[in-house]
Amino acid sequence: MVWPWSRDNLRSVLQDSGWIWLNGPYGSEKQGCCHRLKAGMVTVSVSLGGDSKISVGSSGVRLGTLPAAYRPASDQVTAASGKGSGLGQLTVTSAGVVWVWNFGSGGVYFGGIIVYPL
């Protein structure tokens, strides 16, 4: 019988890249956008506040482009928290571009996280 995994495959699945900053960190709160690859899953986390000086509105803000190894096979979209009771959106495109939108009153406060498999 041939097993579908090998020592090299298991090593790559168990790897943890640690958090890597794409945009930031800003201020003592360590605000910005960071990503991580762990157990075959990519996590993109965005936390923006006053220290970041990035104003997120309904026209969207491009935060940067992920390295090729962290890009999803298809666009990934999730709801996020905008300022106050505002609804936000976090998107990672298949080209690795990270976008955020705030459909509330706009402003510098934004939080979102998205997780997808490689």
C-alpha atoms as a PDB file:
ATOM      1  CA  MET A   1       0.000   0.000   0.000  1.00  0.00           C
ATOM      2  CA  VAL A   2       1.214   3.515  -0.843  1.00  0.00           C
ATOM      3  CA  TRP A   3       0.390   6.207   1.694  1.00  0.00           C
ATOM      4  CA  PRO A   4      -0.692   9.626   0.328  1.00  0.00           C
ATOM      5  CA  TRP A   5       1.608  11.510   2.665  1.00  0.00           C
ATOM      6  CA  SER A   6       5.299  11.648   3.213  1.00  0.00           C
ATOM      7  CA  ARG A   7       7.571  13.121   5.837  1.00  0.00           C
ATOM      8  CA  ASP A   8       8.063  16.223   3.625  1.00  0.00           C
ATOM      9  CA  ASN A   9       4.307  16.669   3.156  1.00  0.00           C
ATOM     10  CA  LEU A  10       3.694  16.418   6.900  1.00  0.00           C
ATOM     11  CA  ARG A  11       6.490  18.891   7.594  1.00  0.00           C
ATOM     12  CA  SER A  12       4.920  21.477   5.241  1.00  0.00           C
ATOM     13  CA  VAL A  13       1.450  21.004   6.783  1.00  0.00           C
ATOM     14  CA  LEU A  14       2.780  21.433  10.305  1.00  0.00           C
ATOM     15  CA  GLN A  15       4.823  24.560   9.537  1.00  0.00           C
ATOM     16  CA  ASP A  16       3.968  27.843  11.187  1.00  0.00           C
ATOM     17  CA  SER A  17       5.278  30.967   9.503  1.00  0.00           C
ATOM     18  CA  GLY A  18       4.460  33.146  12.505  1.00  0.00           C
ATOM     19  CA  TRP A  19       2.784  36.517  11.979  1.00  0.00           C
ATOM     20  CA  ILE A  20       4.220  38.553   9.107  1.00  0.00           C
ATOM     21  CA  TRP A  21       3.368  42.238   8.694  1.00  0.00           C
ATOM     22  CA  LEU A  22       2.006  43.273   5.304  1.00  0.00           C
ATOM     23  CA  ASN A  23       1.128  46.822   6.330  1.00  0.00           C
ATOM     24  CA  GLY A  24       2.229  48.025   9.761  1.00  0.00           C
ATOM     25  CA  PRO A  25       2.698  47.734  12.650  1.00  0.00           C
ATOM     26  CA  TYR A  26       1.482  51.149  13.715  1.00  0.00           C
ATOM     27  CA  GLY A  27       1.633  52.548  17.243  1.00  0.00           C
ATOM     28  CA  SER A  28       1.741  50.783  20.564  1.00  0.00           C
ATOM     29  CA  GLU A  29      -1.416  48.810  19.715  1.00  0.00           C
ATOM     30  CA  LYS A  30       0.408  47.108  16.807  1.00  0.00           C
ATOM     31  CA  GLN A  31      -2.313  47.994  14.312  1.00  0.00           C
ATOM     32  CA  GLY A  32      -2.148  47.077  10.633  1.00  0.00           C
ATOM     33  CA  CYS A  33      -2.471  44.012   8.422  1.00  0.00           C
ATOM     34  CA  CYS A  34      -0.604  40.760   9.023  1.00  0.00           C
ATOM     35  CA  HIS A  35      -0.789  37.199   7.763  1.00  0.00           C
ATOM     36  CA  ARG A  36       0.278  33.729   8.814  1.00  0.00           C
ATOM     37  CA  LEU A  37       0.458  30.230   7.353  1.00  0.00           C
ATOM     38  CA  LYS A  38      -0.215  27.476   9.881  1.00  0.00           C
ATOM     39  CA  ALA A  39      -1.302  23.879   9.298  1.00  0.00           C
ATOM     40  CA  GLY A  40      -2.063  24.565   5.640  1.00  0.00           C
ATOM     41  CA  MET A  41      -4.371  27.492   6.470  1.00  0.00           C
ATOM     42  CA  VAL A  42      -3.680  31.169   5.798  1.00  0.00           C
ATOM     43  CA  THR A  43      -4.995  33.747   8.266  1.00  0.00           C
ATOM     44  CA  VAL A  44      -5.140  37.425   7.328  1.00  0.00           C
ATOM     45  CA  SER A  45      -5.842  39.773  10.233  1.00  0.00           C
ATOM     46  CA  VAL A  46      -6.585  43.493   9.942  1.00  0.00           C
ATOM     47  CA  SER A  47      -6.854  45.863  12.881  1.00  0.00           C
ATOM     48  CA  LEU A  48      -6.843  49.580  12.114  1.00  0.00           C
ATOM     49  CA  GLY A  49      -7.305  52.429  14.538  1.00  0.00           C
ATOM     50  CA  GLY A  50      -6.118  55.977  15.149  1.00  0.00           C
ATOM     51  CA  ASP A  51      -2.422  55.057  15.153  1.00  0.00           C
ATOM     52  CA  SER A  52      -2.568  53.617  11.627  1.00  0.00           C
ATOM     53  CA  LYS A  53      -3.734  56.905  10.037  1.00  0.00           C
ATOM     54  CA  ILE A  54      -5.524  54.748   7.428  1.00  0.00           C
ATOM     55  CA  SER A  55      -9.091  55.939   6.822  1.00  0.00           C
ATOM     56  CA  VAL A  56     -11.365  53.169   5.560  1.00  0.00           C
ATOM     57  CA  GLY A  57     -14.513  54.176   3.671  1.00  0.00           C
ATOM     58  CA  SER A  58     -17.017  52.792   1.199  1.00  0.00           C
ATOM     59  CA  SER A  59     -14.597  53.240  -1.733  1.00  0.00           C
ATOM     60  CA  GLY A  60     -12.203  50.734  -0.155  1.00  0.00           C
ATOM     61  CA  VAL A  61      -8.529  50.785   0.779  1.00  0.00           C
ATOM     62  CA  ARG A  62      -5.872  48.519  -0.694  1.00  0.00           C
ATOM     63  CA  LEU A  63      -3.568  47.430   2.136  1.00  0.00           C
ATOM     64  CA  GLY A  64      -1.029  45.517   0.054  1.00  0.00           C
ATOM     65  CA  THR A  65      -0.346  42.298  -1.828  1.00  0.00           C
ATOM     66  CA  LEU A  66       0.409  38.967  -0.171  1.00  0.00           C
ATOM     67  CA  PRO A  67       3.431  36.958  -1.302  1.00  0.00           C
ATOM     68  CA  ALA A  68       2.575  34.217  -3.841  1.00  0.00           C
ATOM     69  CA  ALA A  69       2.790  31.432  -1.226  1.00  0.00           C
ATOM     70  CA  TYR A  70      -0.088  33.001   0.775  1.00  0.00           C
ATOM     71  CA  ARG A  71      -2.560  33.707  -2.038  1.00  0.00           C
ATOM     72  CA  PRO A  72      -5.928  31.922  -2.239  1.00  0.00           C
ATOM     73  CA  ALA A  73      -7.027  29.962  -5.300  1.00  0.00           C
ATOM     74  CA  SER A  74     -10.131  32.175  -5.582  1.00  0.00           C
ATOM     75  CA  ASP A  75     -11.255  35.491  -4.106  1.00  0.00           C
ATOM     76  CA  GLN A  76     -12.080  35.311  -0.383  1.00  0.00           C
ATOM     77  CA  VAL A  77     -14.614  37.712   1.142  1.00  0.00           C
ATOM     78  CA  THR A  78     -15.875  38.107   4.703  1.00  0.00           C
ATOM     79  CA  ALA A  79     -17.878  40.570   6.741  1.00  0.00           C
ATOM     80  CA  ALA A  80     -15.904  42.676   9.184  1.00  0.00           C
ATOM     81  CA  SER A  81     -16.421  45.358  11.789  1.00  0.00           C
ATOM     82  CA  GLY A  82     -16.365  48.984  10.729  1.00  0.00           C
ATOM     83  CA  LYS A  83     -16.513  52.094  12.912  1.00  0.00           C
ATOM     84  CA  GLY A  84     -19.259  52.034  15.511  1.00  0.00           C
ATOM     85  CA  SER A  85     -22.088  49.902  14.190  1.00  0.00           C
ATOM     86  CA  GLY A  86     -20.778  50.101  10.624  1.00  0.00           C
ATOM     87  CA  LEU A  87     -20.500  46.984   8.537  1.00  0.00           C
ATOM     88  CA  GLY A  88     -17.129  46.331   6.931  1.00  0.00           C
ATOM     89  CA  GLN A  89     -15.764  43.913   4.375  1.00  0.00           C
ATOM     90  CA  LEU A  90     -12.365  42.221   4.127  1.00  0.00           C
ATOM     91  CA  THR A  91     -11.372  40.736   0.763  1.00  0.00           C
ATOM     92  CA  VAL A  92      -8.292  38.819  -0.367  1.00  0.00           C
ATOM     93  CA  THR A  93      -8.205  38.393  -4.148  1.00  0.00           C
ATOM     94  CA  SER A  94      -6.680  35.422  -5.950  1.00  0.00           C
ATOM     95  CA  ALA A  95      -3.856  37.813  -6.921  1.00  0.00           C
ATOM     96  CA  GLY A  96      -3.184  38.298  -3.200  1.00  0.00           C
ATOM     97  CA  VAL A  97      -4.459  41.881  -2.947  1.00  0.00           C
ATOM     98  CA  VAL A  98      -5.927  42.702   0.482  1.00  0.00           C
ATOM     99  CA  TRP A  99      -8.824  45.191   0.393  1.00  0.00           C
ATOM    100  CA  VAL A 100     -10.966  46.617   3.208  1.00  0.00           C
ATOM    101  CA  TRP A 101     -14.236  48.560   3.051  1.00  0.00           C
ATOM    102  CA  ASN A 102     -16.285  50.310   5.725  1.00  0.00           C
ATOM    103  CA  PHE A 103     -19.931  50.813   4.760  1.00  0.00           C
ATOM    104  CA  GLY A 104     -20.803  52.758   7.913  1.00  0.00           C
ATOM    105  CA  SER A 105     -19.787  56.338   8.530  1.00  0.00           C
ATOM    106  CA  GLY A 106     -16.199  55.660   7.481  1.00  0.00           C
ATOM    107  CA  GLY A 107     -13.170  56.362   9.571  1.00  0.00           C
ATOM    108  CA  VAL A 108     -10.017  54.817  10.874  1.00  0.00           C
ATOM    109  CA  TYR A 109     -11.474  52.025  13.014  1.00  0.00           C
ATOM    110  CA  PHE A 110     -11.700  48.642  11.318  1.00  0.00           C
ATOM    111  CA  GLY A 111     -11.291  45.012  12.368  1.00  0.00           C
ATOM    112  CA  GLY A 112     -11.496  41.804  10.387  1.00  0.00           C
ATOM    113  CA  ILE A 113     -10.026  38.334  10.018  1.00  0.00           C
ATOM    114  CA  ILE A 114     -10.244  35.797   7.232  1.00  0.00           C
ATOM    115  CA  VAL A 115      -8.969  32.207   7.078  1.00  0.00           C
ATOM    116  CA  TYR A 116      -8.663  30.040   3.967  1.00  0.00           C
ATOM    117  CA  PRO A 117      -6.875  26.836   2.903  1.00  0.00           C
ATOM    118  CA  LEU A 118      -3.963  26.763   0.525  1.00  0.00           C
END
